[in-house]
Amino acid sequence: MARSAPVTDLPQARHRIGEAARRSGVAAANIRYYEREGLLEPLARGDNHYRLYSDADVHRLRFIRACRAMDMSLGEVRTLLGLDLNSKADCAAASASLEAHLARVRQRLDELRTLEQELLALRQRCDGSDDRCHIIEALHQRADAALPEPAATGTRRQV
């Protein structure tokens, strides 16, 4: 990104990072991170070297926050930030990006449903009938089953 003009040449509002964080709902640490990742560049730096942000920067931070709230990756956010809302081609690109994200969300939902079933089955192992915790026992069995055999065989241990 190109460096912004000196602060004195800019007629727009200038906010220090704390104010930009408050106005955008994005923590100051995340704002710095987004800068390092190239998603945002502060308007300029004041004479005291504080980062200064414009209202457009605050809007951009809100946009990033909205995308991240939908669990979009930084790469997906970067793609969407680079698109022009007045371009049919960019609209198609945005749609394709969202469709790919939706596919990942659906895959994750399937994984979570499987996890839910595994957790329910694990919880059912506890009947409170004896002094032994069958849940912890089952978790130890899972831990042992996950250990790989020595490199020579490349097979998994069976319990």
Protein backbone atom coordinates (compact mmCIF):
# COMPACT_ATOMS: atom_id res chain seq x y z
CA MET A 1 0.00 0.00 0.00
CA ALA A 2 1.19 3.50 -0.75
CA ARG A 3 1.79 5.86 2.13
CA SER A 4 -0.90 8.40 2.82
CA ALA A 5 -0.44 12.12 2.43
CA PRO A 6 0.82 14.14 5.39
CA VAL A 7 -1.83 14.76 8.02
CA THR A 8 -1.93 18.50 7.33
CA ASP A 9 -3.05 17.84 3.72
CA LEU A 10 -6.04 15.72 4.74
CA PRO A 11 -9.45 17.36 5.37
CA GLN A 12 -11.11 14.18 6.73
CA ALA A 13 -11.61 13.16 10.33
CA ARG A 14 -8.59 11.63 12.02
CA HIS A 15 -8.94 9.17 14.87
CA ARG A 16 -6.23 7.70 17.04
CA ILE A 17 -6.24 3.92 17.34
CA GLY A 18 -8.28 3.85 20.56
CA GLU A 19 -11.03 5.96 19.02
CA ALA A 20 -10.94 3.91 15.79
CA ALA A 21 -11.27 0.77 17.93
CA ARG A 22 -14.22 2.23 19.82
CA ARG A 23 -15.98 3.41 16.65
CA SER A 24 -15.40 0.15 14.75
CA GLY A 25 -15.80 -2.42 17.51
CA VAL A 26 -12.39 -3.87 16.61
CA ALA A 27 -9.77 -4.15 19.34
CA ALA A 28 -6.66 -2.01 18.91
CA ALA A 29 -4.50 -5.15 18.86
CA ASN A 30 -6.59 -6.51 15.98
CA ILE A 31 -6.30 -3.21 14.13
CA ARG A 32 -2.50 -3.48 14.33
CA TYR A 33 -2.73 -7.10 13.17
CA TYR A 34 -4.89 -6.13 10.18
CA GLU A 35 -2.31 -3.49 9.30
CA ARG A 36 0.48 -6.10 9.39
CA GLU A 37 -1.65 -8.34 7.18
CA GLY A 38 -2.15 -5.54 4.65
CA LEU A 39 -5.91 -5.20 5.14
CA LEU A 40 -5.66 -1.65 6.44
CA GLU A 41 -3.25 1.22 6.42
CA PRO A 42 -3.61 4.09 8.86
CA LEU A 43 -4.42 7.45 7.33
CA ALA A 44 -1.11 8.83 8.44
CA ARG A 45 0.93 9.42 11.55
CA GLY A 46 0.67 12.57 13.56
CA ASP A 47 3.64 14.62 14.72
CA ASN A 48 3.68 12.40 17.81
CA HIS A 49 3.88 9.29 15.53
CA TYR A 50 0.46 8.00 16.62
CA ARG A 51 -1.47 6.12 13.95
CA LEU A 52 -4.39 8.14 12.61
CA TYR A 53 -7.46 6.66 10.96
CA SER A 54 -10.10 8.21 8.73
CA ASP A 55 -13.82 7.54 8.82
CA ALA A 56 -13.27 5.38 5.72
CA ASP A 57 -10.72 3.33 7.71
CA VAL A 58 -13.26 2.91 10.50
CA HIS A 59 -15.81 1.71 7.92
CA ARG A 60 -13.23 -0.72 6.52
CA LEU A 61 -12.63 -2.05 10.04
CA ARG A 62 -16.38 -2.55 10.48
CA PHE A 63 -16.48 -4.40 7.16
CA ILE A 64 -13.61 -6.64 8.29
CA ARG A 65 -15.34 -7.25 11.63
CA ALA A 66 -18.61 -8.19 9.87
CA CYS A 67 -16.79 -10.66 7.61
CA ARG A 68 -14.81 -12.15 10.49
CA ALA A 69 -18.05 -12.53 12.48
CA MET A 70 -19.19 -14.80 9.63
CA ASP A 71 -15.98 -16.81 10.17
CA MET A 72 -14.37 -15.67 6.94
CA SER A 73 -10.63 -16.09 6.66
CA LEU A 74 -8.35 -13.10 6.21
CA GLY A 75 -7.82 -14.24 2.62
CA GLU A 76 -11.55 -14.18 1.98
CA VAL A 77 -11.83 -10.74 3.60
CA ARG A 78 -8.89 -9.50 1.51
CA THR A 79 -10.63 -10.76 -1.65
CA LEU A 80 -13.90 -9.05 -0.77
CA LEU A 81 -12.16 -5.80 0.15
CA GLY A 82 -10.55 -5.78 -3.27
CA LEU A 83 -13.84 -6.00 -5.13
CA ASP A 84 -15.82 -3.09 -6.54
CA LEU A 85 -19.46 -3.06 -5.49
CA ASN A 86 -20.41 -1.43 -8.81
CA SER A 87 -18.89 -4.16 -11.01
CA LYS A 88 -20.91 -7.13 -12.28
CA ALA A 89 -17.72 -9.17 -12.60
CA ASP A 90 -16.76 -8.36 -9.02
CA CYS A 91 -20.27 -9.24 -7.89
CA ALA A 92 -19.81 -12.65 -9.48
CA ALA A 93 -16.45 -12.99 -7.74
CA ALA A 94 -18.04 -12.07 -4.41
CA SER A 95 -20.78 -14.64 -5.01
CA ALA A 96 -18.19 -17.33 -5.82
CA SER A 97 -16.21 -16.45 -2.70
CA LEU A 98 -19.32 -16.71 -0.55
CA GLU A 99 -20.33 -19.98 -2.18
CA ALA A 100 -16.90 -21.46 -1.38
CA HIS A 101 -17.17 -20.20 2.19
CA LEU A 102 -20.65 -21.66 2.49
CA ALA A 103 -19.31 -25.05 1.35
CA ARG A 104 -16.67 -24.92 4.10
CA VAL A 105 -19.33 -23.95 6.67
CA ARG A 106 -21.50 -26.88 5.60
CA GLN A 107 -18.54 -29.24 5.86
CA ARG A 108 -17.80 -27.93 9.34
CA LEU A 109 -21.46 -28.39 10.31
CA ASP A 110 -21.24 -32.03 9.23
CA GLU A 111 -18.08 -32.42 11.31
CA LEU A 112 -19.80 -30.82 14.31
CA ARG A 113 -22.82 -33.12 13.96
CA THR A 114 -20.46 -36.11 13.99
CA LEU A 115 -18.69 -34.69 17.03
CA GLU A 116 -22.03 -34.19 18.76
CA GLN A 117 -22.92 -37.85 18.21
CA GLU A 118 -19.52 -38.96 19.55
CA LEU A 119 -19.93 -36.80 22.63
CA LEU A 120 -23.45 -38.07 23.26
CA ALA A 121 -22.24 -41.67 22.99
CA LEU A 122 -19.39 -40.88 25.36
CA ARG A 123 -21.74 -39.24 27.86
CA GLN A 124 -24.00 -42.31 27.81
CA ARG A 125 -21.11 -44.42 29.11
CA CYS A 126 -21.61 -42.84 32.51
CA ASP A 127 -24.32 -44.65 34.40
CA GLY A 128 -23.11 -43.88 37.93
CA SER A 129 -23.42 -47.53 38.90
CA ASP A 130 -19.86 -48.12 40.05
CA ASP A 131 -16.74 -46.36 41.31
CA ARG A 132 -15.08 -46.34 37.90
CA CYS A 133 -15.64 -43.40 35.52
CA HIS A 134 -16.38 -44.92 32.13
CA ILE A 135 -16.11 -41.55 30.38
CA ILE A 136 -12.52 -41.04 31.49
CA GLU A 137 -11.79 -44.69 30.74
CA ALA A 138 -13.12 -44.27 27.18
CA LEU A 139 -11.05 -41.11 26.70
CA HIS A 140 -7.91 -43.00 27.81
CA GLN A 141 -8.76 -45.75 25.32
CA ARG A 142 -9.11 -43.13 22.56
CA ALA A 143 -5.77 -41.61 23.54
CA ASP A 144 -4.08 -45.01 23.35
CA ALA A 145 -5.74 -45.83 20.03
CA ALA A 146 -4.42 -42.60 18.53
CA LEU A 147 -0.78 -43.55 19.12
CA PRO A 148 0.99 -44.58 15.92
CA GLU A 149 3.11 -47.70 15.82
CA PRO A 150 6.86 -47.29 15.35
CA ALA A 151 7.75 -45.92 11.93
CA ALA A 152 8.68 -49.36 10.57
CA THR A 153 5.09 -50.67 10.45
CA GLY A 154 3.16 -47.43 9.88
CA THR A 155 -0.01 -48.97 11.36
CA ARG A 156 -2.15 -47.80 14.24
CA ARG A 157 -2.45 -49.60 17.56
CA GLN A 158 -5.74 -51.35 18.16
CA VAL A 159 -7.41 -51.34 21.57
